[in-house]
């Protein structure tokens, strides 16, 4: 009977030791997952900030492209006016040289 009791005690101690080991491993895993969650939260915040910044940059790019198109149109109109004025000046100057 005592031998059976001693075996049971040894088994209990072995089970307790294994339980402590499992508990330690689980705690390590919990800590690891908490750290990963923290990293993921920070990364998520960075992604959101980049998304907002990207949207702002896109709006700025669209505004810049619109200004460029407007400037190109104005440039084209000015070139046409210069061409027309040059033609008018040539036409006005031509008859003055003829007898």
PDB file of N, CA and C in Angstrom:
ATOM      1  N   UNK A   1       0.828  -1.197   0.000  1.00  0.00           N
ATOM      2  CA  UNK A   1       0.000   0.000   0.000  1.00  0.00           C
ATOM      3  C   UNK A   1       0.872   1.260   0.000  1.00  0.00           C
ATOM      4  N   UNK A   2       1.964   1.234   0.786  1.00  0.00           N
ATOM      5  CA  UNK A   2       2.853   2.392   0.840  1.00  0.00           C
ATOM      6  C   UNK A   2       3.583   2.573  -0.485  1.00  0.00           C
ATOM      7  N   UNK A   3       3.929   1.476  -1.099  1.00  0.00           N
ATOM      8  CA  UNK A   3       4.615   1.572  -2.385  1.00  0.00           C
ATOM      9  C   UNK A   3       3.686   2.195  -3.424  1.00  0.00           C
ATOM     10  N   UNK A   4       2.431   1.802  -3.415  1.00  0.00           N
ATOM     11  CA  UNK A   4       1.450   2.378  -4.331  1.00  0.00           C
ATOM     12  C   UNK A   4       1.293   3.876  -4.054  1.00  0.00           C
ATOM     13  N   UNK A   5       1.254   4.243  -2.798  1.00  0.00           N
ATOM     14  CA  UNK A   5       1.144   5.641  -2.407  1.00  0.00           C
ATOM     15  C   UNK A   5       2.371   6.420  -2.881  1.00  0.00           C
ATOM     16  N   UNK A   6       3.552   5.843  -2.714  1.00  0.00           N
ATOM     17  CA  UNK A   6       4.785   6.492  -3.152  1.00  0.00           C
ATOM     18  C   UNK A   6       4.795   6.670  -4.674  1.00  0.00           C
ATOM     19  N   UNK A   7       4.350   5.665  -5.409  1.00  0.00           N
ATOM     20  CA  UNK A   7       4.271   5.775  -6.866  1.00  0.00           C
ATOM     21  C   UNK A   7       3.298   6.875  -7.277  1.00  0.00           C
ATOM     22  N   UNK A   8       2.196   6.946  -6.573  1.00  0.00           N
ATOM     23  CA  UNK A   8       1.204   7.991  -6.868  1.00  0.00           C
ATOM     24  C   UNK A   8       1.783   9.376  -6.593  1.00  0.00           C
ATOM     25  N   UNK A   9       2.528   9.498  -5.509  1.00  0.00           N
ATOM     26  CA  UNK A   9       3.162  10.779  -5.186  1.00  0.00           C
ATOM     27  C   UNK A   9       4.171  11.169  -6.268  1.00  0.00           C
ATOM     28  N   UNK A  10       4.971  10.203  -6.721  1.00  0.00           N
ATOM     29  CA  UNK A  10       5.953  10.476  -7.773  1.00  0.00           C
ATOM     30  C   UNK A  10       5.258  10.891  -9.068  1.00  0.00           C
ATOM     31  N   UNK A  11       4.189  10.197  -9.373  1.00  0.00           N
ATOM     32  CA  UNK A  11       3.434  10.551 -10.587  1.00  0.00           C
ATOM     33  C   UNK A  11       2.836  11.950 -10.456  1.00  0.00           C
ATOM     34  N   UNK A  12       2.349  12.265  -9.288  1.00  0.00           N
ATOM     35  CA  UNK A  12       1.775  13.599  -9.037  1.00  0.00           C
ATOM     36  C   UNK A  12       2.864  14.667  -9.191  1.00  0.00           C
ATOM     37  N   UNK A  13       4.041  14.391  -8.648  1.00  0.00           N
ATOM     38  CA  UNK A  13       5.136  15.348  -8.764  1.00  0.00           C
ATOM     39  C   UNK A  13       5.545  15.509 -10.233  1.00  0.00           C
ATOM     40  N   UNK A  14       5.577  14.400 -10.949  1.00  0.00           N
ATOM     41  CA  UNK A  14       5.910  14.444 -12.373  1.00  0.00           C
ATOM     42  C   UNK A  14       4.857  15.248 -13.145  1.00  0.00           C
ATOM     43  N   UNK A  15       3.605  15.002 -12.840  1.00  0.00           N
ATOM     44  CA  UNK A  15       2.514  15.735 -13.505  1.00  0.00           C
ATOM     45  C   UNK A  15       2.601  17.221 -13.156  1.00  0.00           C
ATOM     46  N   UNK A  16       2.874  17.550 -11.903  1.00  0.00           N
ATOM     47  CA  UNK A  16       3.003  18.953 -11.494  1.00  0.00           C
ATOM     48  C   UNK A  16       4.162  19.627 -12.219  1.00  0.00           C
ATOM     49  N   UNK A  17       5.265  18.897 -12.339  1.00  0.00           N
ATOM     50  CA  UNK A  17       6.425  19.450 -13.040  1.00  0.00           C
ATOM     51  C   UNK A  17       6.073  19.702 -14.510  1.00  0.00           C
ATOM     52  N   UNK A  18       5.395  18.743 -15.132  1.00  0.00           N
ATOM     53  CA  UNK A  18       4.991  18.918 -16.523  1.00  0.00           C
ATOM     54  C   UNK A  18       4.002  20.080 -16.659  1.00  0.00           C
ATOM     55  N   UNK A  19       3.115  20.203 -15.706  1.00  0.00           N
ATOM     56  CA  UNK A  19       2.157  21.308 -15.732  1.00  0.00           C
ATOM     57  C   UNK A  19       2.869  22.660 -15.611  1.00  0.00           C
ATOM     58  N   UNK A  20       3.866  22.743 -14.739  1.00  0.00           N
ATOM     59  CA  UNK A  20       4.637  23.984 -14.608  1.00  0.00           C
ATOM     60  C   UNK A  20       5.350  24.318 -15.912  1.00  0.00           C
ATOM     61  N   UNK A  21       5.902  23.283 -16.545  1.00  0.00           N
ATOM     62  CA  UNK A  21       6.587  23.481 -17.826  1.00  0.00           C
ATOM     63  C   UNK A  21       5.603  23.979 -18.887  1.00  0.00           C
ATOM     64  N   UNK A  22       4.446  23.346 -18.962  1.00  0.00           N
ATOM     65  CA  UNK A  22       3.425  23.759 -19.925  1.00  0.00           C
ATOM     66  C   UNK A  22       2.966  25.178 -19.631  1.00  0.00           C
ATOM     67  N   UNK A  23       2.794  25.483 -18.348  1.00  0.00           N
ATOM     68  CA  UNK A  23       2.374  26.834 -17.963  1.00  0.00           C
ATOM     69  C   UNK A  23       3.423  27.860 -18.399  1.00  0.00           C
ATOM     70  N   UNK A  24       4.694  27.552 -18.184  1.00  0.00           N
ATOM     71  CA  UNK A  24       5.785  28.444 -18.580  1.00  0.00           C
ATOM     72  C   UNK A  24       5.799  28.631 -20.103  1.00  0.00           C
ATOM     73  N   UNK A  25       5.630  27.522 -20.825  1.00  0.00           N
ATOM     74  CA  UNK A  25       5.600  27.600 -22.294  1.00  0.00           C
ATOM     75  C   UNK A  25       4.415  28.434 -22.774  1.00  0.00           C
ATOM     76  N   UNK A  26       3.278  28.218 -22.141  1.00  0.00           N
ATOM     77  CA  UNK A  26       2.094  29.003 -22.508  1.00  0.00           C
ATOM     78  C   UNK A  26       2.297  30.484 -22.203  1.00  0.00           C
ATOM     79  N   UNK A  27       2.907  30.788 -21.085  1.00  0.00           N
ATOM     80  CA  UNK A  27       3.169  32.187 -20.735  1.00  0.00           C
ATOM     81  C   UNK A  27       4.130  32.825 -21.733  1.00  0.00           C
ATOM     82  N   UNK A  28       5.146  32.063 -22.127  1.00  0.00           N
ATOM     83  CA  UNK A  28       6.069  32.554 -23.154  1.00  0.00           C
ATOM     84  C   UNK A  28       5.319  32.863 -24.447  1.00  0.00           C
ATOM     85  N   UNK A  29       4.426  31.967 -24.816  1.00  0.00           N
ATOM     86  CA  UNK A  29       3.645  32.160 -26.043  1.00  0.00           C
ATOM     87  C   UNK A  29       2.733  33.376 -25.906  1.00  0.00           C
ATOM     88  N   UNK A  30       2.122  33.541 -24.759  1.00  0.00           N
ATOM     89  CA  UNK A  30       1.264  34.705 -24.504  1.00  0.00           C
ATOM     90  C   UNK A  30       2.084  35.988 -24.640  1.00  0.00           C
ATOM     91  N   UNK A  31       3.262  35.997 -24.044  1.00  0.00           N
ATOM     92  CA  UNK A  31       4.128  37.182 -24.140  1.00  0.00           C
ATOM     93  C   UNK A  31       4.523  37.458 -25.589  1.00  0.00           C
ATOM     94  N   UNK A  32       4.844  36.397 -26.296  1.00  0.00           N
ATOM     95  CA  UNK A  32       5.205  36.539 -27.706  1.00  0.00           C
ATOM     96  C   UNK A  32       4.033  37.111 -28.510  1.00  0.00           C
ATOM     97  N   UNK A  33       2.838  36.606 -28.258  1.00  0.00           N
ATOM     98  CA  UNK A  33       1.661  37.086 -28.979  1.00  0.00           C
ATOM     99  C   UNK A  33       1.326  38.532 -28.613  1.00  0.00           C
ATOM    100  N   UNK A  34       1.525  38.893 -27.342  1.00  0.00           N
ATOM    101  CA  UNK A  34       1.309  40.284 -26.938  1.00  0.00           C
ATOM    102  C   UNK A  34       2.269  41.217 -27.655  1.00  0.00           C
ATOM    103  N   UNK A  35       3.517  40.789 -27.750  1.00  0.00           N
ATOM    104  CA  UNK A  35       4.524  41.590 -28.450  1.00  0.00           C
ATOM    105  C   UNK A  35       4.160  41.730 -29.931  1.00  0.00           C
ATOM    106  N   UNK A  36       3.715  40.630 -30.529  1.00  0.00           N
ATOM    107  CA  UNK A  36       3.317  40.670 -31.937  1.00  0.00           C
ATOM    108  C   UNK A  36       2.105  41.575 -32.132  1.00  0.00           C
ATOM    109  N   UNK A  37       1.163  41.522 -31.203  1.00  0.00           N
ATOM    110  CA  UNK A  37      -0.008  42.391 -31.271  1.00  0.00           C
ATOM    111  C   UNK A  37       0.409  43.855 -31.195  1.00  0.00           C
ATOM    112  N   UNK A  38       1.345  44.146 -30.311  1.00  0.00           N
ATOM    113  CA  UNK A  38       1.841  45.515 -30.191  1.00  0.00           C
ATOM    114  C   UNK A  38       2.488  45.972 -31.493  1.00  0.00           C
ATOM    115  N   UNK A  39       3.315  45.119 -32.079  1.00  0.00           N
ATOM    116  CA  UNK A  39       3.957  45.447 -33.358  1.00  0.00           C
ATOM    117  C   UNK A  39       2.917  45.643 -34.456  1.00  0.00           C
ATOM    118  N   UNK A  40       1.920  44.759 -34.479  1.00  0.00           N
ATOM    119  CA  UNK A  40       0.869  44.860 -35.491  1.00  0.00           C
ATOM    120  C   UNK A  40       0.066  46.151 -35.328  1.00  0.00           C
ATOM    121  N   UNK A  41      -0.186  46.536 -34.085  1.00  0.00           N
ATOM    122  CA  UNK A  41      -0.926  47.770 -33.824  1.00  0.00           C
ATOM    123  C   UNK A  41      -0.135  48.970 -34.318  1.00  0.00           C
ATOM    124  N   UNK A  42       1.169  48.970 -34.040  1.00  0.00           N
ATOM    125  CA  UNK A  42       2.018  50.061 -34.523  1.00  0.00           C
ATOM    126  C   UNK A  42       2.056  50.079 -36.049  1.00  0.00           C
ATOM    127  N   UNK A  43       2.201  48.908 -36.652  1.00  0.00           N
ATOM    128  CA  UNK A  43       2.243  48.819 -38.115  1.00  0.00           C
ATOM    129  C   UNK A  43       0.918  49.292 -38.710  1.00  0.00           C
ATOM    130  N   UNK A  44      -0.183  48.946 -38.066  1.00  0.00           N
ATOM    131  CA  UNK A  44      -1.498  49.374 -38.537  1.00  0.00           C
ATOM    132  C   UNK A  44      -1.605  50.893 -38.503  1.00  0.00           C
ATOM    133  N   UNK A  45      -1.108  51.506 -37.442  1.00  0.00           N
ATOM    134  CA  UNK A  45      -1.134  52.972 -37.329  1.00  0.00           C
ATOM    135  C   UNK A  45      -0.281  53.599 -38.432  1.00  0.00           C
ATOM    136  N   UNK A  46       0.873  53.009 -38.704  1.00  0.00           N
ATOM    137  CA  UNK A  46       1.744  53.525 -39.769  1.00  0.00           C
ATOM    138  C   UNK A  46       1.047  53.400 -41.122  1.00  0.00           C
ATOM    139  N   UNK A  47       0.403  52.263 -41.365  1.00  0.00           N
ATOM    140  CA  UNK A  47      -0.305  52.061 -42.633  1.00  0.00           C
ATOM    141  C   UNK A  47      -1.420  53.095 -42.784  1.00  0.00           C
ATOM    142  N   UNK A  48      -2.165  53.345 -41.710  1.00  0.00           N
ATOM    143  CA  UNK A  48      -3.235  54.354 -41.776  1.00  0.00           C
ATOM    144  C   UNK A  48      -2.655  55.731 -42.068  1.00  0.00           C
ATOM    145  N   UNK A  49      -1.554  56.078 -41.404  1.00  0.00           N
ATOM    146  CA  UNK A  49      -0.906  57.369 -41.654  1.00  0.00           C
ATOM    147  C   UNK A  49      -0.447  57.463 -43.109  1.00  0.00           C
ATOM    148  N   UNK A  50       0.133  56.390 -43.624  1.00  0.00           N
ATOM    149  CA  UNK A  50       0.590  56.384 -45.014  1.00  0.00           C
ATOM    150  C   UNK A  50      -0.593  56.497 -45.978  1.00  0.00           C
ATOM    151  N   UNK A  51      -1.704  55.869 -45.636  1.00  0.00           N
ATOM    152  CA  UNK A  51      -2.908  55.949 -46.467  1.00  0.00           C
ATOM    153  C   UNK A  51      -3.393  57.393 -46.547  1.00  0.00           C
ATOM    154  N   UNK A  52      -3.435  58.069 -45.396  1.00  0.00           N
ATOM    155  CA  UNK A  52      -3.866  59.468 -45.363  1.00  0.00           C
ATOM    156  C   UNK A  52      -2.889  60.338 -46.143  1.00  0.00           C
ATOM    157  N   UNK A  53      -1.597  60.127 -45.912  1.00  0.00           N
ATOM    158  CA  UNK A  53      -0.579  60.905 -46.618  1.00  0.00           C
ATOM    159  C   UNK A  53      -0.666  60.664 -48.123  1.00  0.00           C
ATOM    160  N   UNK A  54      -0.899  59.427 -48.516  1.00  0.00           N
ATOM    161  CA  UNK A  54      -1.027  59.104 -49.934  1.00  0.00           C
ATOM    162  C   UNK A  54      -2.225  59.826 -50.548  1.00  0.00           C
ATOM    163  N   UNK A  55      -3.330  59.868 -49.835  1.00  0.00           N
ATOM    164  CA  UNK A  55      -4.518  60.569 -50.328  1.00  0.00           C
ATOM    165  C   UNK A  55      -4.227  62.061 -50.499  1.00  0.00           C
ATOM    166  N   UNK A  56      -3.517  62.640 -49.546  1.00  0.00           N
ATOM    167  CA  UNK A  56      -3.167  64.058 -49.632  1.00  0.00           C
ATOM    168  C   UNK A  56      -2.229  64.300 -50.813  1.00  0.00           C
ATOM    169  N   UNK A  57      -1.248  63.417 -50.997  1.00  0.00           N
ATOM    170  CA  UNK A  57      -0.326  63.561 -52.118  1.00  0.00           C
ATOM    171  C   UNK A  57      -1.044  63.399 -53.458  1.00  0.00           C
ATOM    172  N   UNK A  58      -2.005  62.507 -53.499  1.00  0.00           N
ATOM    173  CA  UNK A  58      -2.774  62.305 -54.723  1.00  0.00           C
ATOM    174  C   UNK A  58      -3.563  63.567 -55.070  1.00  0.00           C
ATOM    175  N   UNK A  59      -4.186  64.185 -54.065  1.00  0.00           N
ATOM    176  CA  UNK A  59      -4.917  65.433 -54.303  1.00  0.00           C
ATOM    177  C   UNK A  59      -3.972  66.529 -54.779  1.00  0.00           C
ATOM    178  N   UNK A  60      -2.800  66.615 -54.166  1.00  0.00           N
ATOM    179  CA  UNK A  60      -1.812  67.621 -54.570  1.00  0.00           C
ATOM    180  C   UNK A  60      -1.353  67.363 -56.005  1.00  0.00           C
ATOM    181  N   UNK A  61      -1.145  66.097 -56.356  1.00  0.00           N
ATOM    182  CA  UNK A  61      -0.735  65.747 -57.715  1.00  0.00           C
ATOM    183  C   UNK A  61      -1.817  66.133 -58.715  1.00  0.00           C
ATOM    184  N   UNK A  62      -3.069  65.828 -58.395  1.00  0.00           N
ATOM    185  CA  UNK A  62      -4.174  66.178 -59.293  1.00  0.00           C
ATOM    186  C   UNK A  62      -4.248  67.693 -59.486  1.00  0.00           C
ATOM    187  N   UNK A  63      -4.082  68.453 -58.402  1.00  0.00           N
ATOM    188  CA  UNK A  63      -4.109  69.916 -58.506  1.00  0.00           C
ATOM    189  C   UNK A  63      -2.945  70.410 -59.362  1.00  0.00           C
ATOM    190  N   UNK A  64      -1.773  69.821 -59.177  1.00  0.00           N
ATOM    191  CA  UNK A  64      -0.603  70.204 -59.964  1.00  0.00           C
ATOM    192  C   UNK A  64      -0.812  69.881 -61.440  1.00  0.00           C
ATOM    193  N   UNK A  65      -1.359  68.711 -61.721  1.00  0.00           N
ATOM    194  CA  UNK A  65      -1.630  68.346 -63.114  1.00  0.00           C
ATOM    195  C   UNK A  65      -2.635  69.300 -63.745  1.00  0.00           C
ATOM    196  N   UNK A  66      -3.650  69.701 -62.971  1.00  0.00           N
ATOM    197  CA  UNK A  66      -4.643  70.638 -63.481  1.00  0.00           C
ATOM    198  C   UNK A  66      -3.995  71.990 -63.774  1.00  0.00           C
ATOM    199  N   UNK A  67      -3.118  72.451 -62.873  1.00  0.00           N
ATOM    200  CA  UNK A  67      -2.412  73.720 -63.109  1.00  0.00           C
ATOM    201  C   UNK A  67      -1.517  73.615 -64.337  1.00  0.00           C
ATOM    202  N   UNK A  68      -0.881  72.466 -64.518  1.00  0.00           N
ATOM    203  CA  UNK A  68      -0.021  72.270 -65.688  1.00  0.00           C
ATOM    204  C   UNK A  68      -0.846  72.343 -66.969  1.00  0.00           C
ATOM    205  N   UNK A  69      -2.025  71.685 -66.985  1.00  0.00           N
ATOM    206  CA  UNK A  69      -2.878  71.728 -68.174  1.00  0.00           C
ATOM    207  C   UNK A  69      -3.327  73.160 -68.464  1.00  0.00           C
ATOM    208  N   UNK A  70      -3.681  73.889 -67.412  1.00  0.00           N
ATOM    209  CA  UNK A  70      -4.092  75.284 -67.583  1.00  0.00           C
ATOM    210  C   UNK A  70      -2.935  76.108 -68.146  1.00  0.00           C
ATOM    211  N   UNK A  71      -1.748  75.914 -67.613  1.00  0.00           N
ATOM    212  CA  UNK A  71      -0.576  76.649 -68.092  1.00  0.00           C
ATOM    213  C   UNK A  71      -0.276  76.286 -69.545  1.00  0.00           C
ATOM    214  N   UNK A  72      -0.414  75.019 -69.901  1.00  0.00           N
ATOM    215  CA  UNK A  72      -0.177  74.605 -71.283  1.00  0.00           C
ATOM    216  C   UNK A  72      -1.188  75.253 -72.224  1.00  0.00           C
ATOM    217  N   UNK A  73      -2.470  75.317 -71.791  1.00  0.00           N
ATOM    218  CA  UNK A  73      -3.494  75.969 -72.617  1.00  0.00           C
ATOM    219  C   UNK A  73      -3.170  77.451 -72.796  1.00  0.00           C
ATOM    220  N   UNK A  74      -2.805  78.115 -71.710  1.00  0.00           N
ATOM    221  CA  UNK A  74      -2.455  79.539 -71.783  1.00  0.00           C
ATOM    222  C   UNK A  74      -1.232  79.743 -72.675  1.00  0.00           C
ATOM    223  N   UNK A  75      -0.257  78.873 -72.546  1.00  0.00           N
ATOM    224  CA  UNK A  75       0.939  78.952 -73.377  1.00  0.00           C
ATOM    225  C   UNK A  75       0.581  78.805 -74.855  1.00  0.00           C
ATOM    226  N   UNK A  76      -0.289  77.855 -75.160  1.00  0.00           N
ATOM    227  CA  UNK A  76      -0.721  77.652 -76.536  1.00  0.00           C
ATOM    228  C   UNK A  76      -1.420  78.900 -77.070  1.00  0.00           C
ATOM    229  N   UNK A  77      -2.317  79.463 -76.261  1.00  0.00           N
ATOM    230  CA  UNK A  77      -3.027  80.678 -76.690  1.00  0.00           C
ATOM    231  C   UNK A  77      -2.058  81.835 -76.890  1.00  0.00           C
ATOM    232  N   UNK A  78      -1.093  81.985 -76.017  1.00  0.00           N
ATOM    233  CA  UNK A  78      -0.100  83.053 -76.163  1.00  0.00           C
ATOM    234  C   UNK A  78       0.746  82.849 -77.419  1.00  0.00           C
ATOM    235  N   UNK A  79       1.115  81.602 -77.694  1.00  0.00           N
ATOM    236  CA  UNK A  79       1.883  81.321 -78.912  1.00  0.00           C
ATOM    237  C   UNK A  79       1.066  81.672 -80.155  1.00  0.00           C
ATOM    238  N   UNK A  80      -0.234  81.378 -80.133  1.00  0.00           N
ATOM    239  CA  UNK A  80      -1.098  81.743 -81.260  1.00  0.00           C
ATOM    240  C   UNK A  80      -1.165  83.263 -81.412  1.00  0.00           C
ATOM    241  N   UNK A  81      -1.311  83.959 -80.295  1.00  0.00           N
ATOM    242  CA  UNK A  81      -1.368  85.427 -80.345  1.00  0.00           C
ATOM    243  C   UNK A  81      -0.060  86.011 -80.884  1.00  0.00           C
ATOM    244  N   UNK A  82       1.068  85.461 -80.447  1.00  0.00           N
ATOM    245  CA  UNK A  82       2.376  85.922 -80.930  1.00  0.00           C
ATOM    246  C   UNK A  82       2.481  85.684 -82.435  1.00  0.00           C
ATOM    247  N   UNK A  83       2.047  84.499 -82.872  1.00  0.00           N
ATOM    248  CA  UNK A  83       2.091  84.177 -84.296  1.00  0.00           C
ATOM    249  C   UNK A  83       1.219  85.146 -85.084  1.00  0.00           C
ATOM    250  N   UNK A  84       0.017  85.418 -84.600  1.00  0.00           N
ATOM    251  CA  UNK A  84      -0.892  86.349 -85.270  1.00  0.00           C
ATOM    252  C   UNK A  84      -0.320  87.763 -85.283  1.00  0.00           C
ATOM    253  N   UNK A  85       0.240  88.183 -84.153  1.00  0.00           N
ATOM    254  CA  UNK A  85       0.828  89.522 -84.094  1.00  0.00           C
ATOM    255  C   UNK A  85       2.030  89.627 -85.038  1.00  0.00           C
ATOM    256  N   UNK A  86       2.834  88.591 -85.118  1.00  0.00           N
ATOM    257  CA  UNK A  86       3.979  88.585 -86.036  1.00  0.00           C
ATOM    258  C   UNK A  86       3.499  88.706 -87.469  1.00  0.00           C
ATOM    259  N   UNK A  87       2.438  87.981 -87.811  1.00  0.00           N
ATOM    260  CA  UNK A  87       1.883  88.054 -89.168  1.00  0.00           C
ATOM    261  C   UNK A  87       1.361  89.453 -89.461  1.00  0.00           C
ATOM    262  N   UNK A  88       0.667  90.047 -88.492  1.00  0.00           N
ATOM    263  CA  UNK A  88       0.139  91.405 -88.668  1.00  0.00           C
ATOM    264  C   UNK A  88       1.276  92.397 -88.862  1.00  0.00           C
ATOM    265  N   UNK A  89       2.329  92.273 -88.036  1.00  0.00           N
ATOM    266  CA  UNK A  89       3.474  93.181 -88.151  1.00  0.00           C
ATOM    267  C   UNK A  89       4.132  93.006 -89.513  1.00  0.00           C
ATOM    268  N   UNK A  90       4.294  91.759 -89.991  1.00  0.00           N
ATOM    269  CA  UNK A  90       4.871  91.516 -91.305  1.00  0.00           C
ATOM    270  C   UNK A  90       4.009  92.153 -92.397  1.00  0.00           C
ATOM    271  N   UNK A  91       2.689  91.981 -92.268  1.00  0.00           N
ATOM    272  CA  UNK A  91       1.779  92.542 -93.253  1.00  0.00           C
ATOM    273  C   UNK A  91       1.809  94.055 -93.244  1.00  0.00           C
ATOM    274  N   UNK A  92       1.924  94.636 -92.068  1.00  0.00           N
ATOM    275  CA  UNK A  92       1.988  96.094 -91.976  1.00  0.00           C
ATOM    276  C   UNK A  92       3.314  96.615 -92.497  1.00  0.00           C
ATOM    277  N   UNK A  93       4.385  95.893 -92.275  1.00  0.00           N
ATOM    278  CA  UNK A  93       5.704  96.335 -92.692  1.00  0.00           C
ATOM    279  C   UNK A  93       5.916  96.133 -94.184  1.00  0.00           C
ATOM    280  N   UNK A  94       5.315  95.145 -94.789  1.00  0.00           N
ATOM    281  CA  UNK A  94       5.512  94.850 -96.205  1.00  0.00           C
ATOM    282  C   UNK A  94       5.095  96.001 -97.127  1.00  0.00           C
ATOM    283  N   UNK A  95       3.907  96.547 -97.008  1.00  0.00           N
ATOM    284  CA  UNK A  95       3.496  97.599 -97.916  1.00  0.00           C
ATOM    285  C   UNK A  95       4.347  98.879 -97.767  1.00  0.00           C
ATOM    286  N   UNK A  96       4.898  99.111 -96.618  1.00  0.00           N
ATOM    287  CA  UNK A  96       5.687 100.337 -96.438  1.00  0.00           C
ATOM    288  C   UNK A  96       6.971 100.284 -97.212  1.00  0.00           C
ATOM    289  N   UNK A  97       7.467  99.071 -97.525  1.00  0.00           N
ATOM    290  CA  UNK A  97       8.704  98.956 -98.310  1.00  0.00           C
ATOM    291  C   UNK A  97       8.427  98.965 -99.800  1.00  0.00           C
ATOM    292  N   UNK A  98       7.181  98.753-100.211  1.00  0.00           N
ATOM    293  CA  UNK A  98       6.881  98.739-101.638  1.00  0.00           C
ATOM    294  C   UNK A  98       6.634 100.178-102.131  1.00  0.00           C
ATOM    295  N   UNK A  99       7.083 100.462-103.391  1.00  0.00           N
ATOM    296  CA  UNK A  99       6.932 101.819-103.929  1.00  0.00           C
ATOM    297  C   UNK A  99       5.518 102.177-104.267  1.00  0.00           C
TER     298      UNK A  99
END
